[in-house]
Amino acid sequence: MRITRFTLYPSSIPLTEPFVISLGPLAHANNLFVRVETDTGQVGWGEASPFPTIHGETLETTLAVGAFLARQLIGVDPRDADEFTGRMDRAIAGNACCKSAFDLAFHDVAAQAAGHPLYRYLGGRNNKAMATDYTVSLGPVEAMVAKAQWIKEQGFPVIKIKLGEGPQDLERVRCIRAAVGPDIPLRIDANQGWTPALAGDLLRQMAPYDIQHCEAPIPRRAFLQLPQLRAASPIPLMADESCWDHYDAQQLLDLGAVDRINIKLSKSGGMHKAVKILRIAEATNTPLQVGGFLESRLGFTAAAHFALCSPQVIFFDFDTPLMQSQDPIQGGIQYGPGGSIEMPTGNGLGATVDPDYLSTLKATEIAD
């Protein structure tokens, strides 16, 4: 089996309301869909969701790098993950988000050719119930409390709170906990917004509010200060922006820097490297969360397949497709009551992009 054609589709879908984190606001899901074709007739799909303040990639750069990578990947066997990953990494450094779209599309066609759903192709089983949290964007306390109350009313099992602005974050958590009551779990995510000293103070003061974990409390380059912060924190720490691939994961765990890791396929460069993080987590009994950026249901369908590949994955952050004003995906995961996730049937990824929507986008084709 060989790849014979790529088609790249840049897509911009407005969000129903701005998504605000400590690194800045976003108003659109600016994503790149990648369609691949093989000489055996399979068609596969991948998606990149560049987040400029985290990836250092934009939709425009992802499209340009995607066209460059496609020319390096014509003729590759999509079943040979070491080969296609090596080709991409030798061709250009970084650009993990862009590379992830190709990786996902290759895994899609490889699983189709093997006659398996993607999770089974990766060695997983559809044997766990998954339900997503829902995120409260960073903003005025009153608005955040109202959103948290709405999330509880909608039946989501967990509320995730974006923080990272400063000492006033304590009041945000206090007010949200008072408004939603003691029973629904809270997760917090500072997106690198606190200094180590402030993080230590806030985490100790937030302990009474029953927080599941805190993602990315301090700047990623300050990771050497995470072991001391972890030792003093009553709240488990989760690596996100400080953990891109399996090398980062091993380093953080060797340092004793974090309790948990958040894997995002658009951050790891796709399934191949994400599975390597997963194996390290299994060997060290490290709990995992699977999340994402602003992918559509296509990207989060891939995330759900990945989440079925290990019992270490126990936290699910699959909410951002629900924040988009348009859903151009056919098939894929479906959201049920209480944020429950229903997997698609069939082989491969089980998700494609609506042809009518694609007809509104400007396509770039690369073929042999």
Protein backbone atom coordinates (compact mmCIF):
# COMPACT_ATOMS: atom_id res chain seq x y z
CA MET A 1 0.00 0.00 0.00
CA ARG A 2 1.30 3.44 -0.97
CA ILE A 3 0.02 7.01 -0.61
CA THR A 4 -0.77 8.51 -4.00
CA ARG A 5 -2.58 11.79 -3.25
CA PHE A 6 -3.07 14.38 -0.55
CA THR A 7 -5.73 17.07 -0.38
CA LEU A 8 -5.43 19.82 2.22
CA TYR A 9 -8.45 21.87 3.32
CA PRO A 10 -8.01 24.90 5.61
CA SER A 11 -11.17 25.46 7.64
CA SER A 12 -12.29 28.31 9.92
CA ILE A 13 -15.44 27.82 12.00
CA PRO A 14 -16.64 30.51 14.45
CA LEU A 15 -17.05 29.50 18.07
CA THR A 16 -20.39 30.14 19.73
CA GLU A 17 -18.51 32.34 22.23
CA PRO A 18 -14.83 33.26 22.68
CA PHE A 19 -12.66 30.58 24.25
CA VAL A 20 -10.38 32.42 26.68
CA ILE A 21 -7.31 31.07 28.48
CA SER A 22 -4.38 32.79 30.18
CA LEU A 23 -2.49 32.77 26.86
CA GLY A 24 -5.23 34.75 25.12
CA PRO A 25 -8.68 34.46 23.50
CA LEU A 26 -9.75 32.50 20.44
CA ALA A 27 -12.89 33.17 18.40
CA HIS A 28 -12.55 30.56 15.63
CA ALA A 29 -11.58 26.92 15.26
CA ASN A 30 -8.92 27.33 12.57
CA ASN A 31 -8.12 23.77 11.56
CA LEU A 32 -6.56 21.89 8.65
CA PHE A 33 -8.23 18.75 7.28
CA VAL A 34 -5.96 16.31 5.46
CA ARG A 35 -7.37 13.72 3.06
CA VAL A 36 -5.11 10.91 1.83
CA GLU A 37 -5.66 8.36 -0.91
CA THR A 38 -3.84 5.07 -1.44
CA ASP A 39 -3.11 2.93 -4.46
CA THR A 40 -5.43 0.28 -2.96
CA GLY A 41 -8.45 2.58 -2.82
CA GLN A 42 -8.51 3.55 0.86
CA VAL A 43 -9.25 7.16 1.80
CA GLY A 44 -8.19 8.48 5.20
CA TRP A 45 -8.68 11.67 7.15
CA GLY A 46 -6.65 13.65 9.66
CA GLU A 47 -6.99 17.03 11.31
CA ALA A 48 -4.57 19.58 12.72
CA SER A 49 -5.71 22.22 15.19
CA PRO A 50 -2.91 24.79 15.49
CA PHE A 51 -2.96 26.88 18.66
CA PRO A 52 -0.52 29.73 17.96
CA THR A 53 0.39 30.53 21.56
CA ILE A 54 1.16 26.88 22.30
CA HIS A 55 2.23 25.25 19.03
CA GLY A 56 3.81 28.29 17.43
CA GLU A 57 1.76 27.24 14.38
CA THR A 58 -1.13 29.00 12.65
CA LEU A 59 -3.59 27.81 10.04
CA GLU A 60 -1.52 29.54 7.35
CA THR A 61 1.77 28.00 8.43
CA THR A 62 0.15 24.60 8.87
CA LEU A 63 -1.13 24.72 5.31
CA ALA A 64 2.30 25.72 3.97
CA VAL A 65 4.18 23.10 5.98
CA GLY A 66 1.48 20.54 5.13
CA ALA A 67 2.03 21.04 1.42
CA PHE A 68 5.79 20.71 1.98
CA LEU A 69 5.39 17.51 3.99
CA ALA A 70 2.96 16.00 1.50
CA ARG A 71 5.64 16.14 -1.17
CA GLN A 72 7.99 14.21 1.14
CA LEU A 73 5.33 11.61 1.88
CA ILE A 74 4.07 10.66 -1.57
CA GLY A 75 4.69 6.94 -1.95
CA VAL A 76 5.03 6.16 1.75
CA ASP A 77 3.41 3.03 3.20
CA PRO A 78 0.89 4.32 5.79
CA ARG A 79 1.30 1.12 7.80
CA ASP A 80 4.98 1.91 8.48
CA ALA A 81 4.72 4.47 11.29
CA ASP A 82 8.46 4.55 11.95
CA GLU A 83 9.08 5.41 8.30
CA PHE A 84 6.50 8.15 7.85
CA THR A 85 7.30 9.68 11.23
CA GLY A 86 10.99 9.62 10.41
CA ARG A 87 10.39 11.25 7.03
CA MET A 88 8.46 14.09 8.60
CA ASP A 89 10.97 14.67 11.39
CA ARG A 90 13.91 14.61 8.97
CA ALA A 91 12.14 17.00 6.61
CA ILE A 92 11.37 19.70 9.19
CA ALA A 93 11.79 20.18 12.93
CA GLY A 94 8.86 20.94 15.20
CA ASN A 95 5.45 21.51 13.59
CA ALA A 96 3.96 18.71 15.70
CA CYS A 97 0.41 19.90 15.06
CA CYS A 98 0.77 19.78 11.28
CA LYS A 99 2.48 16.38 11.45
CA SER A 100 -0.33 15.00 13.58
CA ALA A 101 -2.87 15.43 10.75
CA PHE A 102 -0.81 13.24 8.44
CA ASP A 103 -0.20 10.68 11.18
CA LEU A 104 -3.95 10.40 11.87
CA ALA A 105 -4.83 10.04 8.19
CA PHE A 106 -2.21 7.32 7.76
CA HIS A 107 -3.50 5.45 10.80
CA ASP A 108 -7.03 5.75 9.42
CA VAL A 109 -6.19 4.05 6.12
CA ALA A 110 -3.92 1.49 7.79
CA ALA A 111 -6.70 0.43 10.16
CA GLN A 112 -9.18 0.27 7.28
CA ALA A 113 -6.81 -1.97 5.33
CA ALA A 114 -6.42 -4.23 8.38
CA GLY A 115 -10.21 -4.45 8.73
CA HIS A 116 -10.31 -3.01 12.26
CA PRO A 117 -11.57 0.08 14.06
CA LEU A 118 -8.63 2.33 14.81
CA TYR A 119 -8.59 1.56 18.54
CA ARG A 120 -8.33 -2.17 17.79
CA TYR A 121 -5.62 -1.60 15.21
CA LEU A 122 -3.66 0.13 17.99
CA GLY A 123 -4.24 -2.79 20.37
CA GLY A 124 -7.11 -1.25 22.32
CA ARG A 125 -10.59 -2.40 23.26
CA ASN A 126 -13.92 -0.59 23.42
CA ASN A 127 -14.37 -1.55 27.05
CA LYS A 128 -14.67 1.68 29.01
CA ALA A 129 -17.31 4.33 29.47
CA MET A 130 -16.11 7.78 28.44
CA ALA A 131 -17.70 11.13 29.25
CA THR A 132 -16.22 14.55 28.62
CA ASP A 133 -15.83 17.41 31.03
CA TYR A 134 -16.87 20.92 29.94
CA THR A 135 -14.67 24.00 30.24
CA VAL A 136 -15.31 27.39 31.83
CA SER A 137 -13.32 30.06 29.97
CA LEU A 138 -11.29 32.61 31.89
CA GLY A 139 -13.23 35.80 32.57
CA PRO A 140 -15.11 37.82 35.19
CA VAL A 141 -16.09 35.83 38.25
CA GLU A 142 -19.82 36.28 37.67
CA ALA A 143 -19.60 35.00 34.09
CA MET A 144 -17.51 32.01 35.13
CA VAL A 145 -19.94 31.10 37.91
CA ALA A 146 -22.89 31.31 35.51
CA LYS A 147 -21.12 29.06 33.01
CA ALA A 148 -20.25 26.53 35.71
CA GLN A 149 -23.87 26.42 36.81
CA TRP A 150 -24.96 25.87 33.20
CA ILE A 151 -22.47 23.01 32.83
CA LYS A 152 -23.85 21.31 35.94
CA GLU A 153 -27.43 21.79 34.70
CA GLN A 154 -26.53 20.18 31.37
CA GLY A 155 -25.41 17.04 33.21
CA PHE A 156 -21.69 17.07 32.43
CA PRO A 157 -19.81 14.98 35.00
CA VAL A 158 -16.88 17.37 35.57
CA ILE A 159 -16.31 21.13 35.36
CA LYS A 160 -12.93 22.29 34.05
CA ILE A 161 -11.95 25.85 35.01
CA LYS A 162 -9.48 27.98 33.06
CA LEU A 163 -7.27 30.06 35.38
CA GLY A 164 -3.80 31.59 35.28
CA GLU A 165 -4.49 35.31 35.59
CA GLY A 166 -3.18 35.85 39.12
CA PRO A 167 -4.16 35.80 42.82
CA GLN A 168 -7.78 36.52 41.88
CA ASP A 169 -8.01 32.93 40.60
CA LEU A 170 -8.67 31.81 44.17
CA GLU A 171 -11.89 33.80 44.26
CA ARG A 172 -12.96 32.27 40.95
CA VAL A 173 -12.61 28.73 42.33
CA ARG A 174 -14.20 29.63 45.67
CA CYS A 175 -17.25 31.16 44.02
CA ILE A 176 -17.68 28.35 41.51
CA ARG A 177 -17.51 25.68 44.21
CA ALA A 178 -20.04 27.58 46.33
CA ALA A 179 -22.40 27.89 43.36
CA VAL A 180 -22.26 24.28 42.07
CA GLY A 181 -22.13 22.54 45.43
CA PRO A 182 -19.76 19.89 46.78
CA ASP A 183 -20.60 16.91 44.60
CA ILE A 184 -19.45 17.73 41.05
CA PRO A 185 -15.68 17.38 40.50
CA LEU A 186 -13.63 20.42 39.51
CA ARG A 187 -10.44 20.49 37.43
CA ILE A 188 -8.29 23.59 37.00
CA ASP A 189 -5.93 24.62 34.21
CA ALA A 190 -3.60 27.61 34.57
CA ASN A 191 -2.07 27.25 31.09
CA GLN A 192 1.36 28.24 32.49
CA GLY A 193 -0.02 31.49 33.93
CA TRP A 194 1.34 31.34 37.50
CA THR A 195 4.82 31.84 38.85
CA PRO A 196 6.09 28.92 40.95
CA ALA A 197 5.64 30.92 44.16
CA LEU A 198 2.10 31.99 43.30
CA ALA A 199 1.23 28.46 42.19
CA GLY A 200 2.33 27.09 45.55
CA ASP A 201 0.25 29.62 47.45
CA LEU A 202 -2.87 29.17 45.31
CA LEU A 203 -2.77 25.38 45.28
CA ARG A 204 -2.56 25.27 49.07
CA GLN A 205 -5.44 27.71 49.42
CA MET A 206 -7.56 25.82 46.86
CA ALA A 207 -7.20 22.50 48.67
CA PRO A 208 -10.55 22.81 50.53
CA TYR A 209 -12.42 23.05 47.23
CA ASP A 210 -11.83 19.41 46.22
CA ILE A 211 -9.86 19.86 42.98
CA GLN A 212 -9.14 16.71 40.91
CA HIS A 213 -5.91 18.10 39.46
CA CYS A 214 -4.20 21.22 38.18
CA GLU A 215 -2.89 21.34 34.61
CA ALA A 216 0.16 23.38 33.62
CA PRO A 217 0.49 25.54 36.75
CA ILE A 218 3.77 27.24 35.74
CA PRO A 219 5.64 28.13 32.51
CA ARG A 220 6.80 25.04 30.66
CA ARG A 221 10.44 26.14 30.69
CA ALA A 222 10.30 26.20 34.51
CA PHE A 223 9.74 22.42 34.62
CA LEU A 224 12.74 21.93 36.91
CA GLN A 225 10.73 23.69 39.61
CA LEU A 226 7.82 21.28 39.29
CA PRO A 227 9.22 18.62 41.69
CA GLN A 228 9.36 21.14 44.54
CA LEU A 229 5.90 22.45 43.68
CA ARG A 230 4.51 18.94 43.49
CA ALA A 231 5.96 18.00 46.88
CA ALA A 232 4.22 20.97 48.49
CA SER A 233 0.94 20.82 46.58
CA PRO A 234 -2.15 19.17 48.09
CA ILE A 235 -3.60 19.04 44.55
CA PRO A 236 -2.16 16.59 41.96
CA LEU A 237 -0.22 18.26 39.14
CA MET A 238 -0.80 17.36 35.50
CA ALA A 239 1.70 18.04 32.73
CA ASP A 240 0.33 19.58 29.55
CA GLU A 241 2.41 22.17 27.69
CA SER A 242 5.57 20.79 29.33
CA CYS A 243 4.96 17.33 27.82
CA TRP A 244 4.95 17.14 24.03
CA ASP A 245 6.34 13.67 23.34
CA HIS A 246 7.69 10.52 24.95
CA TYR A 247 11.06 12.14 25.68
CA ASP A 248 9.34 14.88 27.69
CA ALA A 249 7.16 12.34 29.47
CA GLN A 250 10.12 10.23 30.55
CA GLN A 251 12.05 13.29 31.72
CA LEU A 252 9.17 14.66 33.79
CA LEU A 253 8.48 11.32 35.44
CA ASP A 254 12.18 10.69 36.13
CA LEU A 255 12.29 14.08 37.86
CA GLY A 256 9.17 13.31 39.90
CA ALA A 257 7.72 16.51 38.46
CA VAL A 258 4.06 15.60 37.94
CA ASP A 259 1.40 13.15 39.05
CA ARG A 260 -0.46 12.92 35.73
CA ILE A 261 -0.02 13.70 32.03
CA ASN A 262 -2.39 15.21 29.48
CA ILE A 263 -1.89 13.78 25.98
CA LYS A 264 -3.09 15.70 22.93
CA LEU A 265 -2.56 14.18 19.51
CA SER A 266 -1.98 17.62 17.97
CA LYS A 267 0.79 18.16 20.54
CA SER A 268 2.52 14.78 20.32
CA GLY A 269 2.63 14.78 16.52
CA GLY A 270 -0.06 12.12 16.21
CA MET A 271 -0.79 8.57 17.32
CA HIS A 272 2.67 7.07 16.87
CA LYS A 273 4.43 9.22 19.45
CA ALA A 274 1.34 9.43 21.67
CA VAL A 275 1.37 5.64 22.02
CA LYS A 276 4.97 5.88 23.20
CA ILE A 277 3.86 8.28 25.97
CA LEU A 278 1.10 5.84 26.83
CA ARG A 279 3.59 2.95 27.22
CA ILE A 280 5.73 5.04 29.57
CA ALA A 281 2.63 5.83 31.61
CA GLU A 282 1.74 2.15 31.79
CA ALA A 283 5.23 1.25 32.99
CA THR A 284 5.08 3.89 35.73
CA ASN A 285 1.35 3.58 36.56
CA THR A 286 0.83 7.24 35.67
CA PRO A 287 -2.79 8.34 35.15
CA LEU A 288 -3.50 10.01 31.81
CA GLN A 289 -5.93 12.51 30.41
CA VAL A 290 -6.66 12.71 26.69
CA GLY A 291 -7.62 16.15 25.44
CA GLY A 292 -7.16 18.41 22.47
CA PHE A 293 -7.23 21.95 21.17
CA LEU A 294 -10.10 23.20 18.97
CA GLU A 295 -10.46 20.14 16.76
CA SER A 296 -13.78 19.19 15.23
CA ARG A 297 -15.42 15.87 16.01
CA LEU A 298 -13.01 14.29 13.51
CA GLY A 299 -9.95 15.11 15.61
CA PHE A 300 -11.71 14.15 18.81
CA THR A 301 -12.86 10.88 17.26
CA ALA A 302 -9.18 10.07 16.85
CA ALA A 303 -8.62 11.11 20.48
CA ALA A 304 -11.41 8.79 21.61
CA HIS A 305 -9.91 5.85 19.70
CA PHE A 306 -6.59 6.58 21.36
CA ALA A 307 -8.20 6.80 24.80
CA LEU A 308 -9.43 3.21 24.41
CA CYS A 309 -5.87 1.93 24.07
CA SER A 310 -4.96 1.78 27.76
CA PRO A 311 -6.55 1.61 31.21
CA GLN A 312 -4.17 4.44 32.20
CA VAL A 313 -6.46 6.89 30.37
CA ILE A 314 -9.07 7.84 32.97
CA PHE A 315 -9.73 11.55 32.28
CA PHE A 316 -11.44 12.83 29.11
CA ASP A 317 -11.42 16.43 27.85
CA PHE A 318 -13.37 16.25 24.57
CA ASP A 319 -15.61 19.30 24.81
CA THR A 320 -14.48 21.87 22.23
CA PRO A 321 -16.48 20.49 19.26
CA LEU A 322 -19.55 21.39 21.33
CA MET A 323 -18.40 25.03 21.30
CA GLN A 324 -18.31 25.36 17.50
CA SER A 325 -21.10 27.00 15.51
CA GLN A 326 -20.96 24.40 12.74
CA ASP A 327 -20.35 20.65 12.69
CA PRO A 328 -19.05 19.52 9.27
CA ILE A 329 -18.25 15.94 10.32
CA GLN A 330 -20.05 12.81 9.16
CA GLY A 331 -19.84 9.77 11.41
CA GLY A 332 -17.41 10.05 14.28
CA ILE A 333 -18.09 10.16 18.00
CA GLN A 334 -21.51 11.24 19.20
CA TYR A 335 -22.22 13.15 22.41
CA GLY A 336 -24.94 11.70 24.60
CA PRO A 337 -26.55 12.66 27.92
CA GLY A 338 -24.15 13.79 30.59
CA GLY A 339 -21.34 14.28 28.09
CA SER A 340 -21.17 10.56 27.33
CA ILE A 341 -19.17 9.52 24.27
CA GLU A 342 -20.47 6.97 21.77
CA MET A 343 -17.88 5.49 19.41
CA PRO A 344 -18.54 5.16 15.67
CA THR A 345 -18.90 1.78 14.02
CA GLY A 346 -16.86 0.45 11.12
CA ASN A 347 -13.17 0.25 10.38
CA GLY A 348 -10.54 2.93 10.64
CA LEU A 349 -11.36 6.29 12.18
CA GLY A 350 -15.05 6.16 11.30
CA ALA A 351 -15.28 9.88 10.58
CA THR A 352 -15.15 11.94 7.39
CA VAL A 353 -15.79 15.56 6.39
CA ASP A 354 -19.08 16.52 4.72
CA PRO A 355 -18.46 16.93 0.95
CA ASP A 356 -20.83 19.90 0.84
CA TYR A 357 -18.74 21.67 3.45
CA LEU A 358 -15.51 20.78 1.64
CA SER A 359 -16.89 22.34 -1.52
CA THR A 360 -16.84 25.72 0.27
CA LEU A 361 -13.12 25.44 1.10
CA LYS A 362 -10.04 26.09 -1.00
CA ALA A 363 -8.30 22.77 -1.59
CA THR A 364 -4.58 22.15 -2.19
CA GLU A 365 -3.73 18.86 -3.94
CA ILE A 366 -0.39 17.04 -4.05
CA ALA A 367 -0.23 13.83 -6.10
CA ASP A 368 2.44 11.56 -7.58
